[in-house]
Protein backbone atom coordinates (compact mmCIF):
# COMPACT_ATOMS: atom_id res chain seq x y z
CA UNK A 1 0.38 0.01 0.00
CA UNK A 2 1.26 3.60 -1.30
CA UNK A 3 1.85 6.29 1.56
CA UNK A 4 -0.81 7.92 -0.63
CA UNK A 5 -3.47 5.25 -0.02
CA UNK A 6 -1.98 4.97 3.90
CA UNK A 7 -2.46 8.90 4.62
CA UNK A 8 -6.14 8.65 4.81
CA UNK A 9 -6.28 12.27 3.75
CA UNK A 10 -7.10 14.17 0.65
CA UNK A 11 -5.06 16.33 -0.66
CA UNK A 12 -6.72 18.83 -3.04
CA UNK A 13 -5.09 21.14 -5.56
CA UNK A 14 -7.57 24.37 -5.40
CA UNK A 15 -4.70 26.94 -5.55
CA UNK A 16 -3.44 25.52 -8.55
CA UNK A 17 -7.01 25.08 -10.37
CA UNK A 18 -8.56 28.15 -9.33
CA UNK A 19 -5.27 29.89 -10.41
CA UNK A 20 -2.89 28.54 -12.72
CA UNK A 21 -1.50 31.80 -13.93
CA UNK A 22 -0.39 32.13 -10.42
CA UNK A 23 2.19 29.29 -10.22
CA UNK A 24 3.92 26.87 -12.19
CA UNK A 25 3.45 23.03 -12.22
CA UNK A 26 6.57 21.66 -11.16
CA UNK A 27 8.36 18.46 -9.62
CA UNK A 28 10.80 18.58 -6.47
CA UNK A 29 14.32 17.37 -6.87
CA UNK A 30 15.41 14.09 -5.94
CA UNK A 31 16.05 13.01 -2.74
CA UNK A 32 18.24 9.61 -2.62
CA UNK A 33 18.95 9.60 1.48
CA UNK A 34 16.20 11.36 2.94
CA UNK A 35 15.72 11.17 7.39
CA UNK A 36 13.86 12.51 9.53
CA UNK A 37 15.31 15.49 11.67
CA UNK A 38 12.44 16.97 13.04
CA UNK A 39 8.50 15.70 13.18
CA UNK A 40 5.52 17.88 14.81
CA UNK A 41 3.60 14.96 15.86
CA UNK A 42 0.49 17.22 17.50
CA UNK A 43 0.43 19.12 14.10
CA UNK A 44 0.04 15.99 12.17
CA UNK A 45 -2.20 15.06 14.26
CA UNK A 46 -4.10 18.08 13.71
CA UNK A 47 -4.13 17.39 9.84
CA UNK A 48 -5.42 13.69 10.05
CA UNK A 49 -2.00 12.35 9.09
CA UNK A 50 -0.44 9.67 10.87
CA UNK A 51 2.76 10.27 12.31
CA UNK A 52 3.63 6.87 12.03
CA UNK A 53 2.95 6.81 8.08
CA UNK A 54 5.26 10.31 8.20
CA UNK A 55 8.28 8.57 9.69
CA UNK A 56 7.67 5.48 7.00
CA UNK A 57 10.25 5.59 4.10
CA UNK A 58 7.12 6.70 2.05
CA UNK A 59 6.28 9.25 4.27
CA UNK A 60 9.94 10.33 4.09
CA UNK A 61 9.38 10.55 0.22
CA UNK A 62 5.66 12.17 0.53
CA UNK A 63 7.20 14.91 2.90
CA UNK A 64 10.19 15.66 0.18
CA UNK A 65 7.78 15.66 -2.42
CA UNK A 66 9.34 12.83 -4.09
CA UNK A 67 5.92 10.78 -3.56
CA UNK A 68 3.07 13.05 -4.93
CA UNK A 69 -0.36 12.23 -3.39
CA UNK A 70 -3.46 11.55 -5.33
CA UNK A 71 -5.56 14.77 -5.45
CA UNK A 72 -2.24 17.12 -5.19
CA UNK A 73 -0.36 19.14 -7.75
CA UNK A 74 2.66 20.49 -6.85
CA UNK A 75 3.19 24.04 -8.10
CA UNK A 76 6.10 26.79 -7.69
CA UNK A 77 3.72 29.88 -6.70
CA UNK A 78 4.70 32.91 -8.63
CA UNK A 79 4.67 36.59 -6.19
CA UNK A 80 6.46 39.76 -6.66
CA UNK A 81 7.41 42.38 -4.00
CA UNK A 82 9.23 45.03 -2.59
CA UNK A 83 12.54 43.87 -0.90
CA UNK A 84 14.09 46.26 1.50
CA UNK A 85 11.72 48.93 -1.03
CA UNK A 86 12.83 48.14 -4.03
CA UNK A 87 10.28 46.69 -6.34
CA UNK A 88 10.33 43.02 -7.54
CA UNK A 89 8.28 42.27 -10.10
CA UNK A 90 9.27 38.54 -10.55
CA UNK A 91 10.23 36.60 -7.35
CA UNK A 92 8.48 33.46 -6.31
CA UNK A 93 9.26 30.30 -5.01
CA UNK A 94 12.76 29.81 -6.04
CA UNK A 95 13.37 26.84 -3.97
CA UNK A 96 9.72 25.53 -2.76
CA UNK A 97 6.89 23.76 -3.91
CA UNK A 98 3.18 24.67 -2.72
CA UNK A 99 2.51 20.13 -2.42
CA UNK A 100 -1.05 20.96 -1.90
CA UNK A 101 -4.03 21.60 0.66
CA UNK A 102 -5.11 19.41 3.12
CA UNK A 103 -8.22 19.40 5.41
CA UNK A 104 -7.86 19.34 8.72
CA UNK A 105 -9.81 17.85 11.78
CA UNK A 106 -11.71 21.30 12.13
CA UNK A 107 -12.62 21.93 8.95
CA UNK A 108 -9.98 24.46 7.93
CA UNK A 109 -7.92 24.05 4.77
CA UNK A 110 -4.09 23.85 4.97
CA UNK A 111 -1.20 24.42 2.74
CA UNK A 112 1.28 21.93 3.20
CA UNK A 113 4.52 23.48 1.50
CA UNK A 114 7.89 22.27 0.89
CA UNK A 115 10.92 24.50 1.31
CA UNK A 116 14.56 23.56 -0.05
CA UNK A 117 12.77 21.29 -2.66
CA UNK A 118 15.59 22.50 -5.60
CA UNK A 119 15.53 24.97 -8.13
CA UNK A 120 11.83 26.24 -9.92
CA UNK A 121 11.63 28.74 -12.39
CA UNK A 122 12.05 31.57 -10.03
CA UNK A 123 15.39 30.64 -8.45
CA UNK A 124 17.06 32.90 -10.63
CA UNK A 125 20.80 32.68 -9.49
CA UNK A 126 19.98 30.59 -6.12
CA UNK A 127 20.73 26.77 -6.03
CA UNK A 128 16.96 25.94 -4.85
CA UNK A 129 18.92 24.14 -1.79
CA UNK A 130 18.14 24.71 2.20
CA UNK A 131 20.45 23.48 4.86
CA UNK A 132 19.81 21.66 8.16
CA UNK A 133 20.70 25.22 10.48
CA UNK A 134 17.66 27.54 9.07
CA UNK A 135 15.27 24.71 8.39
CA UNK A 136 15.60 23.98 12.29
CA UNK A 137 15.85 27.73 12.99
CA UNK A 138 12.02 27.94 11.39
CA UNK A 139 10.71 25.00 13.05
CA UNK A 140 11.53 26.39 16.57
CA UNK A 141 10.38 29.81 16.16
CA UNK A 142 7.42 28.44 14.35
CA UNK A 143 6.51 26.39 17.26
CA UNK A 144 7.49 28.80 19.58
CA UNK A 145 5.23 31.54 18.14
CA UNK A 146 2.52 29.27 17.87
CA UNK A 147 3.21 28.48 21.37
CA UNK A 148 2.86 31.79 22.45
CA UNK A 149 -0.66 32.57 20.82
CA UNK A 150 0.66 34.38 17.76
CA UNK A 151 -1.15 33.84 14.77
CA UNK A 152 1.81 32.08 12.34
CA UNK A 153 2.87 29.63 9.64
CA UNK A 154 3.86 25.64 11.09
CA UNK A 155 6.58 23.38 11.20
CA UNK A 156 5.38 20.11 10.33
CA UNK A 157 8.49 18.27 9.99
CA UNK A 158 12.38 18.67 8.53
CA UNK A 159 13.94 16.02 6.65
CA UNK A 160 17.44 15.92 6.10
CA UNK A 161 18.38 15.60 2.44
CA UNK A 162 21.95 13.84 2.69
CA UNK A 163 23.24 15.94 0.12
CA UNK A 164 25.88 18.74 0.66
CA UNK A 165 25.17 22.29 0.00
CA UNK A 166 27.57 25.02 -0.71
CA UNK A 167 26.92 28.23 1.72
CA UNK A 168 30.14 30.00 3.31
CA UNK A 169 31.31 26.12 3.93
CA UNK A 170 29.91 22.88 2.87
CA UNK A 171 26.74 22.29 4.56
CA UNK A 172 24.45 19.08 5.25
CA UNK A 173 21.29 19.88 3.17
CA UNK A 174 17.47 19.56 4.43
CA UNK A 175 13.84 20.39 3.68
CA UNK A 176 11.33 21.79 5.70
CA UNK A 177 7.52 20.45 4.95
CA UNK A 178 5.59 23.87 6.28
CA UNK A 179 2.00 24.68 6.80
CA UNK A 180 0.08 27.32 6.33
CA UNK A 181 -3.35 28.39 5.84
CA UNK A 182 -2.36 29.62 2.67
CA UNK A 183 1.14 31.03 1.31
CA UNK A 184 -1.20 33.91 -0.45
CA UNK A 185 0.58 37.27 0.53
CA UNK A 186 0.41 40.66 -0.49
CA UNK A 187 3.53 40.27 -2.94
CA UNK A 188 0.45 37.58 -4.58
CA UNK A 189 -1.03 40.39 -5.35
CA UNK A 190 1.27 42.77 -6.62
CA UNK A 191 2.08 40.10 -9.15
CA UNK A 192 -1.06 39.83 -10.26
CA UNK A 193 -2.14 43.51 -10.73
CA UNK A 194 1.28 43.77 -12.52
CA UNK A 195 -0.02 41.35 -15.55
CA UNK A 196 -2.60 43.84 -16.26
CA UNK A 197 -5.22 41.06 -16.06
CA UNK A 198 -8.36 42.16 -13.95
CA UNK A 199 -9.82 39.03 -13.88
CA UNK A 200 -6.75 37.37 -12.64
CA UNK A 201 -7.07 40.18 -10.02
CA UNK A 202 -10.62 39.81 -9.17
CA UNK A 203 -10.22 35.57 -9.18
CA UNK A 204 -7.28 36.34 -6.66
CA UNK A 205 -9.10 38.38 -4.75
CA UNK A 206 -12.71 35.84 -5.08
CA UNK A 207 -10.42 33.24 -4.09
CA UNK A 208 -8.62 35.11 -0.82
CA UNK A 209 -12.02 36.00 0.34
CA UNK A 210 -13.35 32.53 0.44
CA UNK A 211 -10.18 31.23 2.02
CA UNK A 212 -9.88 33.92 4.98
CA UNK A 213 -12.82 36.26 4.87
CA UNK A 214 -16.05 34.78 3.99
CA UNK A 215 -17.65 37.23 5.99
CA UNK A 216 -16.77 39.70 3.12
CA UNK A 217 -18.28 37.99 0.51
CA UNK A 218 -21.36 39.39 2.03
CA UNK A 219 -20.36 42.93 2.07
CA UNK A 220 -21.79 45.68 0.00
CA UNK A 221 -18.12 46.28 -1.26
CA UNK A 222 -16.06 42.79 -0.71
CA UNK A 223 -13.22 44.06 -1.88
CA UNK A 224 -13.24 47.24 0.87
CA UNK A 225 -13.80 44.24 2.91
CA UNK A 226 -11.10 42.05 2.01
CA UNK A 227 -8.88 45.10 2.33
CA UNK A 228 -10.21 45.85 5.88
CA UNK A 229 -10.01 42.17 7.04
CA UNK A 230 -6.13 42.13 5.50
CA UNK A 231 -5.44 45.55 7.68
CA UNK A 232 -7.17 44.38 10.89
CA UNK A 233 -5.70 41.05 10.46
CA UNK A 234 -1.96 42.40 10.48
CA UNK A 235 -2.41 45.49 12.65
CA UNK A 236 -3.02 42.56 15.47
CA UNK A 237 -0.13 40.58 14.45
CA UNK A 238 2.42 42.75 14.58
CA UNK A 239 1.50 44.28 17.77
CA UNK A 240 1.19 40.91 19.09
CA UNK A 241 4.84 40.44 17.36
CA UNK A 242 5.97 43.97 19.88
CA UNK A 243 4.32 42.75 22.79
CA UNK A 244 6.58 39.81 22.84
CA UNK A 245 9.81 41.52 21.31
CA UNK A 246 9.88 39.21 18.34
CA UNK A 247 11.82 41.15 15.17
CA UNK A 248 10.93 39.65 12.07
CA UNK A 249 13.83 41.02 9.95
CA UNK A 250 12.74 40.56 6.63
CA UNK A 251 8.87 42.69 6.25
CA UNK A 252 9.11 42.04 2.47
CA UNK A 253 6.12 42.61 1.10
CA UNK A 254 6.40 39.15 -0.32
CA UNK A 255 6.62 38.46 3.77
CA UNK A 256 3.40 39.85 4.35
CA UNK A 257 0.23 37.35 4.49
CA UNK A 258 -3.62 38.00 3.84
CA UNK A 259 -4.22 35.54 6.10
CA UNK A 260 -2.06 37.58 9.16
CA UNK A 261 0.00 34.85 10.03
CA UNK A 262 3.50 35.49 10.43
CA UNK A 263 5.59 33.65 7.69
CA UNK A 264 9.56 33.21 6.77
CA UNK A 265 11.58 32.95 9.75
CA UNK A 266 14.78 34.02 8.30
CA UNK A 267 16.97 36.77 9.88
CA UNK A 268 14.65 36.68 12.72
CA UNK A 269 15.46 37.24 16.29
CA UNK A 270 13.92 37.77 20.27
CA UNK A 271 15.25 41.17 21.55
CA UNK A 272 16.70 41.04 24.81
CA UNK A 273 17.85 44.02 26.04
CA UNK A 274 15.47 46.35 25.42
CA UNK A 275 16.15 48.30 22.12
CA UNK A 276 13.89 49.97 19.56
CA UNK A 277 16.59 50.01 17.22
CA UNK A 278 17.22 46.35 17.75
CA UNK A 279 18.48 44.95 14.16
CA UNK A 280 19.50 41.07 14.00
CA UNK A 281 19.69 40.66 10.13
CA UNK A 282 23.48 40.98 8.72
CA UNK A 283 21.80 42.41 5.02
CA UNK A 284 19.42 45.10 7.06
CA UNK A 285 22.29 47.79 7.12
CA UNK A 286 20.10 50.65 7.60
CA UNK A 287 17.53 49.50 10.16
CA UNK A 288 14.81 49.20 8.01
CA UNK A 289 12.97 46.31 10.03
CA UNK A 290 14.37 47.17 13.27
CA UNK A 291 12.03 46.32 16.33
CA UNK A 292 10.76 49.71 16.86
CA UNK A 293 10.40 49.98 13.27
CA UNK A 294 7.85 46.78 12.07
CA UNK A 295 4.63 49.16 13.00
CA UNK A 296 5.40 51.76 10.47
CA UNK A 297 6.49 48.95 7.77
CA UNK A 298 3.52 46.95 8.45
CA UNK A 299 1.62 50.07 7.35
CA UNK A 300 3.61 50.91 4.11
CA UNK A 301 3.31 46.89 3.04
CA UNK A 302 0.04 47.41 3.78
CA UNK A 303 -0.47 50.94 1.07
CA UNK A 304 1.14 48.37 -1.66
CA UNK A 305 -1.76 45.92 -1.04
CA UNK A 306 -4.20 48.18 -1.29
CA UNK A 307 -2.28 49.89 -4.60
CA UNK A 308 -2.55 46.22 -6.27
CA UNK A 309 -6.59 46.33 -4.71
CA UNK A 310 -7.34 49.87 -6.44
CA UNK A 311 -9.19 48.52 -9.59
CA UNK A 312 -11.38 46.29 -7.67
CA UNK A 313 -12.25 49.05 -5.71
CA UNK A 314 -13.73 51.38 -7.54
CA UNK A 315 -13.57 51.91 -11.36
CA UNK A 316 -12.88 55.60 -11.15
CA UNK A 317 -9.54 55.21 -9.61
CA UNK A 318 -9.40 58.62 -8.02
CA UNK A 319 -12.47 57.33 -6.03
CA UNK A 320 -10.17 54.14 -5.56
CA UNK A 321 -7.91 55.80 -4.16
CA UNK A 322 -9.76 57.76 -1.39
CA UNK A 323 -11.24 54.30 -0.37
CA UNK A 324 -8.03 52.93 0.01
CA UNK A 325 -6.56 55.55 1.73
CA UNK A 326 -9.57 55.96 4.16
CA UNK A 327 -8.98 52.02 4.82
CA UNK A 328 -5.53 52.36 5.59
CA UNK A 329 -6.29 54.93 8.19
CA UNK A 330 -7.50 52.21 10.26
CA UNK A 331 -4.31 50.84 10.74
CA UNK A 332 -2.68 52.61 13.36
CA UNK A 333 -6.39 53.21 15.24
CA UNK A 334 -6.17 49.18 14.94
CA UNK A 335 -2.53 48.76 15.91
CA UNK A 336 -2.57 50.85 18.89
CA UNK A 337 -6.15 49.24 20.31
CA UNK A 338 -4.05 46.11 20.08
CA UNK A 339 -0.78 47.18 21.55
CA UNK A 340 -2.56 49.07 24.26
CA UNK A 341 -5.00 46.19 25.69
CA UNK A 342 -1.87 43.87 25.74
CA UNK A 343 0.87 45.80 27.03
CA UNK A 344 -1.95 46.86 29.86
CA UNK A 345 -2.06 42.92 30.25
CA UNK A 346 1.62 42.56 30.49
CA UNK A 347 1.67 45.23 33.79
CA UNK A 348 -0.92 43.15 35.44
CA UNK A 349 -3.80 46.01 34.98
CA UNK A 350 -7.59 45.17 34.57
CA UNK A 351 -9.86 47.04 32.46
CA UNK A 352 -11.13 49.51 35.53
CA UNK A 353 -7.14 51.65 35.15
CA UNK A 354 -8.06 53.92 32.84
CA UNK A 355 -5.51 53.49 29.71
CA UNK A 356 -4.03 56.70 29.92
CA UNK A 357 -2.49 55.88 33.42
CA UNK A 358 -1.75 52.35 32.08
CA UNK A 359 -0.30 53.67 29.14
CA UNK A 360 2.00 56.10 30.63
CA UNK A 361 3.18 53.61 32.86
CA UNK A 362 4.11 51.16 29.84
CA UNK A 363 5.95 53.97 28.50
CA UNK A 364 7.91 54.89 30.82
CA UNK A 365 8.56 51.36 31.99
CA UNK A 366 10.21 51.01 28.62
CA UNK A 367 12.32 53.92 28.60
CA UNK A 368 13.72 52.63 31.82
CA UNK A 369 14.10 49.11 30.23
CA UNK A 370 16.13 51.05 27.16
CA UNK A 371 18.17 53.47 29.78
CA UNK A 372 19.58 50.53 31.59
CA UNK A 373 19.60 47.80 28.72
CA UNK A 374 17.34 45.31 30.19
CA UNK A 375 16.03 42.17 29.64
CA UNK A 376 12.61 42.31 28.02
CA UNK A 377 11.21 39.23 28.51
CA UNK A 378 13.19 38.94 32.26
CA UNK A 379 11.90 41.93 33.62
CA UNK A 380 8.47 41.64 32.29
CA UNK A 381 7.88 37.77 33.85
CA UNK A 382 9.74 39.10 37.25
CA UNK A 383 7.04 41.60 37.80
CA UNK A 384 4.49 39.04 39.05
CA UNK A 385 6.85 37.85 41.70
CA UNK A 386 7.50 41.99 42.37
CA UNK A 387 4.07 42.87 43.06
CA UNK A 388 3.62 39.39 45.30
CA UNK A 389 6.02 40.80 47.46
CA UNK A 390 9.24 39.69 45.79
CA UNK A 391 10.92 42.75 43.57
CA UNK A 392 14.66 41.43 43.91
CA UNK A 393 14.98 40.01 40.92
CA UNK A 394 13.41 42.65 39.03
CA UNK A 395 15.13 45.45 40.81
CA UNK A 396 18.64 43.42 40.31
CA UNK A 397 18.21 44.15 36.41
CA UNK A 398 18.52 47.71 36.88
CA UNK A 399 22.35 49.56 37.19
CA UNK A 400 20.03 51.75 39.59
CA UNK A 401 17.35 50.23 41.18
CA UNK A 402 16.00 53.48 42.74
CA UNK A 403 14.62 54.16 39.39
CA UNK A 404 12.38 51.03 39.55
CA UNK A 405 11.45 51.60 43.21
CA UNK A 406 9.84 54.91 41.83
CA UNK A 407 8.09 53.36 39.42
CA UNK A 408 6.74 50.39 41.63
CA UNK A 409 5.58 53.22 43.62
CA UNK A 410 3.38 54.54 41.38
CA UNK A 411 2.16 51.05 39.93
CA UNK A 412 1.65 48.71 42.95
CA UNK A 413 -1.22 51.32 44.16
CA UNK A 414 -3.27 50.22 41.07
CA UNK A 415 -3.07 46.25 42.34
CA UNK A 416 -1.82 44.57 39.29
CA UNK A 417 -2.79 41.09 39.12
CA UNK A 418 -0.23 38.74 38.96
CA UNK A 419 -2.07 35.91 37.51
CA UNK A 420 -2.69 38.02 34.83
CA UNK A 421 0.97 39.11 34.28
CA UNK A 422 2.13 35.37 34.43
CA UNK A 423 -0.66 34.45 31.43
CA UNK A 424 0.57 36.65 29.04
CA UNK A 425 4.14 37.18 29.90
CA UNK A 426 6.44 34.36 28.95
CA UNK A 427 9.38 32.36 30.13
CA UNK A 428 10.74 30.88 27.78
CA UNK A 429 11.46 32.53 24.76
CA UNK A 430 13.90 30.93 21.95
CA UNK A 431 16.73 32.82 23.33
CA UNK A 432 19.45 33.54 20.47
CA UNK A 433 22.14 31.93 21.71
CA UNK A 434 20.24 28.50 22.48
CA UNK A 435 18.96 28.29 19.71
CA UNK A 436 22.74 28.69 17.75
CA UNK A 437 23.84 26.15 20.44
CA UNK A 438 21.06 23.92 19.29
CA UNK A 439 21.05 24.70 15.82
CA UNK A 440 25.20 24.31 15.64
CA UNK A 441 24.96 20.63 17.49
CA UNK A 442 22.17 20.05 14.75
CA UNK A 443 24.48 20.33 12.11
CA UNK A 444 27.16 18.04 13.55
CA UNK A 445 23.85 15.42 14.02
CA UNK A 446 23.43 15.97 17.85
CA UNK A 447 19.83 16.78 17.71
CA UNK A 448 19.46 16.72 22.07
CA UNK A 449 20.06 20.29 22.77
CA UNK A 450 17.10 20.99 19.93
CA UNK A 451 14.66 18.91 21.45
CA UNK A 452 15.73 20.50 25.27
CA UNK A 453 14.94 24.00 23.37
CA UNK A 454 11.97 23.23 22.39
CA UNK A 455 10.62 21.31 25.45
CA UNK A 456 11.25 24.62 27.11
CA UNK A 457 9.41 27.43 24.20
CA UNK A 458 6.37 25.20 23.72
CA UNK A 459 5.06 25.43 26.77
CA UNK A 460 6.58 28.94 27.10
CA UNK A 461 4.52 30.43 30.19
CA UNK A 462 5.23 27.38 32.48
CA UNK A 463 7.72 27.60 34.64
CA UNK A 464 9.74 24.17 35.06
CA UNK A 465 12.37 23.44 37.52
CA UNK A 466 15.22 22.52 35.44
CA UNK A 467 15.05 24.53 32.56
CA UNK A 468 16.74 27.80 34.45
CA UNK A 469 18.77 28.21 31.48
CA UNK A 470 16.20 28.08 29.32
CA UNK A 471 15.00 31.54 30.97
CA UNK A 472 18.58 33.35 31.41
CA UNK A 473 19.69 35.91 29.08
CA UNK A 474 22.52 35.16 27.00
CA UNK A 475 26.13 35.35 28.79
CA UNK A 476 28.37 38.49 27.98
CA UNK A 477 30.62 36.55 25.80
CA UNK A 478 27.94 35.58 23.18
CA UNK A 479 28.41 38.96 22.00
CA UNK A 480 26.14 41.18 19.19
CA UNK A 481 24.16 38.94 17.33
CA UNK A 482 23.33 38.27 13.92
CA UNK A 483 21.10 36.50 11.83
CA UNK A 484 21.41 35.38 8.25
CA UNK A 485 18.51 34.13 5.89
CA UNK A 486 19.81 30.49 4.83
CA UNK A 487 20.25 31.19 0.87
């Protein structure tokens, strides 16, 4: 019996059928010696996939694209994008394939997407390969984000290809099986708009509405409702990134999903010492995608989405532009609402505390963190102990504890809720030194550090004995951190 029949899950090719102009049918490269590095069994169960089948030889062939299940029609998706502000009309899946879609246990359509599956017509000068470290990075970071409750693409598996890939040095090759509610991006719409084919743009928008915003279909103006839906979803997403100190690192328009899920864990990192200017990407020399710039960049990217939709918003382009401008005006308000609500919870304040009072306290605390170079995650988690009569761990983070004491005197009379704080302030994040430790070991063949890290970050709010090093900041000798995209 083939893996296809053992799966007991029907694959579909809805994207390929609905939008043939938006992809190129393609086959994955042959993988002669695949071996499993990581399998997300809970996610497999959600998708109705049997982990035992996925671990089998045929299952590995499925997850490398070398066994195409019945109903699937692999395609390399086409999209355009602004990369660091510069428009590229033809990007697309240069080293990836949309294998197909499955319906999960809750009736949701989910993409199964392969990253590192070989060169496609969109590869340009790339070799189409991926290597162990970056693929396991995406596995760890995406699963940590999911555990934090932040919308994200997810990682089903990482499979070693048995090939050697040339980067700065020779590295072991690997492939990631990624799961998403879809891989539609702002850049997908930019590509469709650039073709000049209004029917294609309309069909793409209809596909997105059915897939992600079904209520928009019933609206008086469905495409305006689609625009608002994406704006609201991204405002919420970026606010959640900011609240946990996540720096995406490469917020190009081809990396902004229509669904509002986080996608592409390349040069990303979680901030340690609080710094609005924090940049970890080795290629972001001007700080365009710094931590503090993320809301502004998101709004800029959404303006590009609105531009792509203009022909659908109104027949008169001046009126279409006015509609788009009005919709984009909602982003800052939605973002501020999500950020303020989340920040209020981070310092344990309930709804009966005035928003202005909470906002001033949060901003003053952030200024203290910046001035004293205090670890963002550690400080916020320690606040619950501080309000419960154990302020020393928090005070010890400041070069001048008196400044924190003065802030505490304004905060504690508001009766902050320690339990609420522990529900929203994680103990464990994928700390950069621990991620690098795990990836270095995995590249050398030792997966134990990876599994220990996953144990911590996939239950981020539950403090557990024996995991103290996973809650600690990087040692000084770790130095400045830089991340790379892996291509």
